[in-house]
Every structure is written in structure tokens, then in C-alpha cells.
Amino acid sequence: MDKTEHVATRVKTLLVQVLQVDIDPEDIADDEPLFGDGLDADSMVALELVSAIEEAFGIEVTDDELRVELFESLRGLVEYVEGKTLSASC
């Protein structure tokens, strides 16, 4: 499992926990929309997910970075988290 797959698996697991749904994280597609017709997340879920991601990955999501585009798809969120973890480890 490469780093991107590892990050994706962790983010999917956190998402399932925050949404409190009975689905297998592996069943969530990487291009799954988080809002709307996708996983039907709302702004409260987004904030809870950000908090869980910050804790799990040891990163900080600044107010400037916290925008709707970040949550358009799971893939975009995973890429963001991966980038933050890379910059935090440098």
C-alpha cells in the first residue's frame, strides 16, 4: 500500500466514523462527492471531519484553507491531507 492509498484508507475510515454510517470504508469511491448526491455530508460533518483529520494526521487546517472546494470529492481531500503531511514532515 503506497502513501496515497494509506491516507485514503484513513480518511475514508474517519469519514465513516464521523457520518456514523454502517458502510465499509473500502466501498467509498475515491471520486465520491462528499456533499449533495454523494455521501450527503453537511457543514457540521465537514467540521467534524476536519477535526478528526487534524488529530489523526497531526496537521492543522487553517481557516484560509477551509473552503468548499476541499470537500468536492474524497480524492481532493486525500490529496490535500497528503500534501499537508508531506510539508509537515519536512
N, C-alpha and C. Protein backbone atom coordinates (compact mmCIF):
# COMPACT_ATOMS: atom_id res chain seq x y z
N MET A 1 0.86 -1.18 0.00
CA MET A 1 0.00 0.00 0.00
C MET A 1 0.90 1.24 0.00
N ASP A 2 0.72 2.11 -0.99
CA ASP A 2 1.53 3.32 -1.03
C ASP A 2 0.93 4.38 -0.12
N LYS A 3 1.64 5.51 -0.01
CA LYS A 3 1.23 6.55 0.93
C LYS A 3 -0.16 7.10 0.60
N THR A 4 -0.44 7.31 -0.69
CA THR A 4 -1.74 7.84 -1.07
C THR A 4 -2.86 6.88 -0.68
N GLU A 5 -2.66 5.60 -0.91
CA GLU A 5 -3.68 4.61 -0.53
C GLU A 5 -3.86 4.57 0.98
N HIS A 6 -2.75 4.69 1.71
CA HIS A 6 -2.82 4.68 3.17
C HIS A 6 -3.61 5.89 3.67
N VAL A 7 -3.30 7.07 3.13
CA VAL A 7 -4.02 8.28 3.53
C VAL A 7 -5.50 8.14 3.16
N ALA A 8 -5.79 7.64 1.96
CA ALA A 8 -7.18 7.48 1.52
C ALA A 8 -7.95 6.54 2.45
N THR A 9 -7.33 5.44 2.83
CA THR A 9 -7.98 4.49 3.72
C THR A 9 -8.27 5.12 5.07
N ARG A 10 -7.32 5.87 5.61
CA ARG A 10 -7.54 6.52 6.91
C ARG A 10 -8.63 7.58 6.82
N VAL A 11 -8.62 8.38 5.76
CA VAL A 11 -9.64 9.42 5.60
C VAL A 11 -11.03 8.79 5.44
N LYS A 12 -11.12 7.73 4.65
CA LYS A 12 -12.40 7.03 4.48
C LYS A 12 -12.90 6.48 5.81
N THR A 13 -12.01 5.91 6.59
CA THR A 13 -12.39 5.37 7.90
C THR A 13 -12.90 6.48 8.81
N LEU A 14 -12.19 7.61 8.82
CA LEU A 14 -12.63 8.75 9.63
C LEU A 14 -13.99 9.25 9.16
N LEU A 15 -14.20 9.29 7.86
CA LEU A 15 -15.47 9.75 7.31
C LEU A 15 -16.62 8.85 7.74
N VAL A 16 -16.42 7.55 7.68
CA VAL A 16 -17.45 6.60 8.12
C VAL A 16 -17.76 6.81 9.60
N GLN A 17 -16.73 7.05 10.41
CA GLN A 17 -16.94 7.27 11.84
C GLN A 17 -17.71 8.56 12.09
N VAL A 18 -17.33 9.63 11.39
CA VAL A 18 -18.00 10.92 11.58
C VAL A 18 -19.45 10.86 11.10
N LEU A 19 -19.68 10.22 9.96
CA LEU A 19 -21.04 10.10 9.43
C LEU A 19 -21.89 9.11 10.22
N GLN A 20 -21.23 8.26 11.00
CA GLN A 20 -21.90 7.22 11.78
C GLN A 20 -22.80 6.37 10.89
N VAL A 21 -22.20 5.87 9.81
CA VAL A 21 -22.92 5.01 8.87
C VAL A 21 -22.31 3.62 8.88
N ASP A 22 -23.11 2.66 8.53
CA ASP A 22 -22.67 1.27 8.53
C ASP A 22 -22.28 0.85 7.11
N ILE A 23 -21.16 1.42 6.64
CA ILE A 23 -20.63 1.03 5.34
C ILE A 23 -19.15 0.74 5.49
N ASP A 24 -18.63 -0.06 4.61
CA ASP A 24 -17.21 -0.38 4.61
C ASP A 24 -16.46 0.77 3.96
N PRO A 25 -15.46 1.33 4.63
CA PRO A 25 -14.70 2.44 4.03
C PRO A 25 -14.17 2.10 2.63
N GLU A 26 -13.88 0.84 2.39
CA GLU A 26 -13.37 0.41 1.08
C GLU A 26 -14.42 0.60 -0.02
N ASP A 27 -15.70 0.68 0.36
CA ASP A 27 -16.77 0.84 -0.63
C ASP A 27 -16.95 2.28 -1.09
N ILE A 28 -16.23 3.20 -0.46
CA ILE A 28 -16.33 4.61 -0.85
C ILE A 28 -15.36 4.86 -2.00
N ALA A 29 -15.89 5.32 -3.12
CA ALA A 29 -15.05 5.59 -4.30
C ALA A 29 -14.19 6.83 -4.06
N ASP A 30 -13.00 6.83 -4.65
CA ASP A 30 -12.10 7.96 -4.49
C ASP A 30 -12.68 9.25 -5.05
N ASP A 31 -13.51 9.15 -6.07
CA ASP A 31 -14.11 10.35 -6.66
C ASP A 31 -15.50 10.64 -6.11
N GLU A 32 -15.83 10.00 -5.00
CA GLU A 32 -17.15 10.18 -4.36
C GLU A 32 -17.31 11.62 -3.89
N PRO A 33 -18.39 12.30 -4.31
CA PRO A 33 -18.65 13.64 -3.79
C PRO A 33 -19.04 13.55 -2.31
N LEU A 34 -18.53 14.46 -1.52
CA LEU A 34 -18.85 14.42 -0.09
C LEU A 34 -20.19 15.09 0.20
N PHE A 35 -20.55 16.08 -0.61
CA PHE A 35 -21.81 16.79 -0.42
C PHE A 35 -22.81 16.40 -1.50
N GLY A 36 -24.05 16.79 -1.33
CA GLY A 36 -25.06 16.56 -2.37
C GLY A 36 -25.41 15.10 -2.53
N ASP A 37 -25.38 14.64 -3.77
CA ASP A 37 -25.79 13.27 -4.08
C ASP A 37 -24.77 12.23 -3.65
N GLY A 38 -23.62 12.66 -3.20
CA GLY A 38 -22.59 11.70 -2.79
C GLY A 38 -22.89 11.12 -1.42
N LEU A 39 -22.04 11.44 -0.47
CA LEU A 39 -22.19 10.90 0.88
C LEU A 39 -23.13 11.73 1.74
N ASP A 40 -23.70 12.79 1.16
CA ASP A 40 -24.71 13.61 1.82
C ASP A 40 -24.19 14.25 3.10
N ALA A 41 -22.92 14.65 3.09
CA ALA A 41 -22.35 15.35 4.24
C ALA A 41 -22.88 16.79 4.26
N ASP A 42 -22.83 17.40 5.42
CA ASP A 42 -23.21 18.80 5.54
C ASP A 42 -22.05 19.55 6.20
N SER A 43 -22.25 20.82 6.47
CA SER A 43 -21.15 21.64 7.01
C SER A 43 -20.70 21.16 8.39
N MET A 44 -21.60 20.64 9.18
CA MET A 44 -21.22 20.12 10.50
C MET A 44 -20.34 18.88 10.35
N VAL A 45 -20.69 18.01 9.42
CA VAL A 45 -19.88 16.82 9.15
C VAL A 45 -18.50 17.25 8.67
N ALA A 46 -18.45 18.26 7.81
CA ALA A 46 -17.17 18.75 7.30
C ALA A 46 -16.28 19.22 8.44
N LEU A 47 -16.84 19.97 9.37
CA LEU A 47 -16.05 20.46 10.51
C LEU A 47 -15.59 19.32 11.41
N GLU A 48 -16.46 18.35 11.65
CA GLU A 48 -16.08 17.19 12.46
C GLU A 48 -14.99 16.38 11.76
N LEU A 49 -15.11 16.25 10.45
CA LEU A 49 -14.12 15.51 9.68
C LEU A 49 -12.77 16.22 9.71
N VAL A 50 -12.78 17.53 9.57
CA VAL A 50 -11.53 18.30 9.64
C VAL A 50 -10.87 18.10 10.99
N SER A 51 -11.64 18.17 12.06
CA SER A 51 -11.10 17.96 13.40
C SER A 51 -10.49 16.57 13.54
N ALA A 52 -11.19 15.56 13.04
CA ALA A 52 -10.69 14.18 13.11
C ALA A 52 -9.42 14.02 12.28
N ILE A 53 -9.38 14.63 11.11
CA ILE A 53 -8.19 14.56 10.24
C ILE A 53 -7.01 15.26 10.91
N GLU A 54 -7.24 16.42 11.49
CA GLU A 54 -6.16 17.14 12.17
C GLU A 54 -5.55 16.28 13.26
N GLU A 55 -6.41 15.64 14.04
CA GLU A 55 -5.93 14.80 15.13
C GLU A 55 -5.22 13.55 14.61
N ALA A 56 -5.80 12.88 13.63
CA ALA A 56 -5.25 11.62 13.13
C ALA A 56 -3.92 11.81 12.40
N PHE A 57 -3.78 12.92 11.68
CA PHE A 57 -2.59 13.12 10.86
C PHE A 57 -1.61 14.13 11.46
N GLY A 58 -1.99 14.76 12.57
CA GLY A 58 -1.10 15.73 13.20
C GLY A 58 -0.86 16.96 12.34
N ILE A 59 -1.91 17.40 11.65
CA ILE A 59 -1.81 18.58 10.79
C ILE A 59 -2.80 19.63 11.27
N GLU A 60 -2.65 20.85 10.73
CA GLU A 60 -3.60 21.91 11.03
C GLU A 60 -4.19 22.42 9.72
N VAL A 61 -5.50 22.46 9.66
CA VAL A 61 -6.19 23.03 8.52
C VAL A 61 -6.53 24.46 8.90
N THR A 62 -5.88 25.41 8.24
CA THR A 62 -6.10 26.82 8.59
C THR A 62 -7.44 27.30 8.04
N ASP A 63 -7.91 28.40 8.59
CA ASP A 63 -9.17 28.98 8.13
C ASP A 63 -9.10 29.32 6.64
N ASP A 64 -7.93 29.79 6.18
CA ASP A 64 -7.77 30.13 4.76
C ASP A 64 -7.89 28.90 3.86
N GLU A 65 -7.50 27.74 4.36
CA GLU A 65 -7.54 26.51 3.58
C GLU A 65 -8.92 25.84 3.64
N LEU A 66 -9.70 26.19 4.62
CA LEU A 66 -11.01 25.57 4.82
C LEU A 66 -12.03 26.19 3.87
N ARG A 67 -12.23 25.53 2.75
CA ARG A 67 -13.14 26.03 1.73
C ARG A 67 -13.91 24.87 1.11
N VAL A 68 -15.00 25.17 0.45
CA VAL A 68 -15.88 24.15 -0.11
C VAL A 68 -15.14 23.25 -1.09
N GLU A 69 -14.24 23.81 -1.89
CA GLU A 69 -13.52 23.02 -2.89
C GLU A 69 -12.76 21.86 -2.27
N LEU A 70 -12.33 22.03 -1.04
CA LEU A 70 -11.59 20.98 -0.34
C LEU A 70 -12.44 19.72 -0.18
N PHE A 71 -13.74 19.88 -0.15
CA PHE A 71 -14.65 18.76 0.11
C PHE A 71 -15.45 18.34 -1.13
N GLU A 72 -15.04 18.78 -2.31
CA GLU A 72 -15.79 18.42 -3.52
C GLU A 72 -15.75 16.92 -3.79
N SER A 73 -14.62 16.30 -3.48
CA SER A 73 -14.53 14.84 -3.65
C SER A 73 -13.56 14.29 -2.61
N LEU A 74 -13.68 13.03 -2.38
CA LEU A 74 -12.78 12.38 -1.45
C LEU A 74 -11.34 12.48 -1.95
N ARG A 75 -11.14 12.31 -3.25
CA ARG A 75 -9.79 12.38 -3.83
C ARG A 75 -9.13 13.72 -3.54
N GLY A 76 -9.88 14.81 -3.70
CA GLY A 76 -9.33 16.14 -3.43
C GLY A 76 -8.93 16.30 -1.98
N LEU A 77 -9.74 15.78 -1.08
CA LEU A 77 -9.43 15.85 0.34
C LEU A 77 -8.20 15.02 0.67
N VAL A 78 -8.10 13.84 0.09
CA VAL A 78 -6.94 12.97 0.32
C VAL A 78 -5.67 13.64 -0.21
N GLU A 79 -5.72 14.25 -1.38
CA GLU A 79 -4.56 14.94 -1.93
C GLU A 79 -4.13 16.09 -1.04
N TYR A 80 -5.11 16.81 -0.50
CA TYR A 80 -4.81 17.90 0.42
C TYR A 80 -4.10 17.38 1.67
N VAL A 81 -4.66 16.33 2.28
CA VAL A 81 -4.07 15.76 3.50
C VAL A 81 -2.67 15.24 3.22
N GLU A 82 -2.50 14.57 2.11
CA GLU A 82 -1.18 14.04 1.76
C GLU A 82 -0.17 15.18 1.60
N GLY A 83 -0.57 16.25 0.95
CA GLY A 83 0.31 17.41 0.80
C GLY A 83 0.67 18.03 2.14
N LYS A 84 -0.30 18.13 3.03
CA LYS A 84 -0.05 18.71 4.36
C LYS A 84 0.88 17.82 5.17
N THR A 85 0.72 16.51 5.07
CA THR A 85 1.59 15.62 5.84
C THR A 85 3.00 15.65 5.29
N LEU A 86 3.15 15.80 3.98
CA LEU A 86 4.49 15.91 3.39
C LEU A 86 5.18 17.18 3.84
N SER A 87 4.45 18.31 3.84
CA SER A 87 5.06 19.57 4.25
C SER A 87 5.33 19.60 5.75
N ALA A 88 4.53 18.89 6.52
CA ALA A 88 4.75 18.84 7.97
C ALA A 88 5.97 18.00 8.33
N SER A 89 6.30 17.04 7.47
CA SER A 89 7.44 16.16 7.77
C SER A 89 8.76 16.74 7.27
N CYS A 90 8.71 17.85 6.54
CA CYS A 90 9.95 18.46 6.02
C CYS A 90 10.59 19.37 7.03
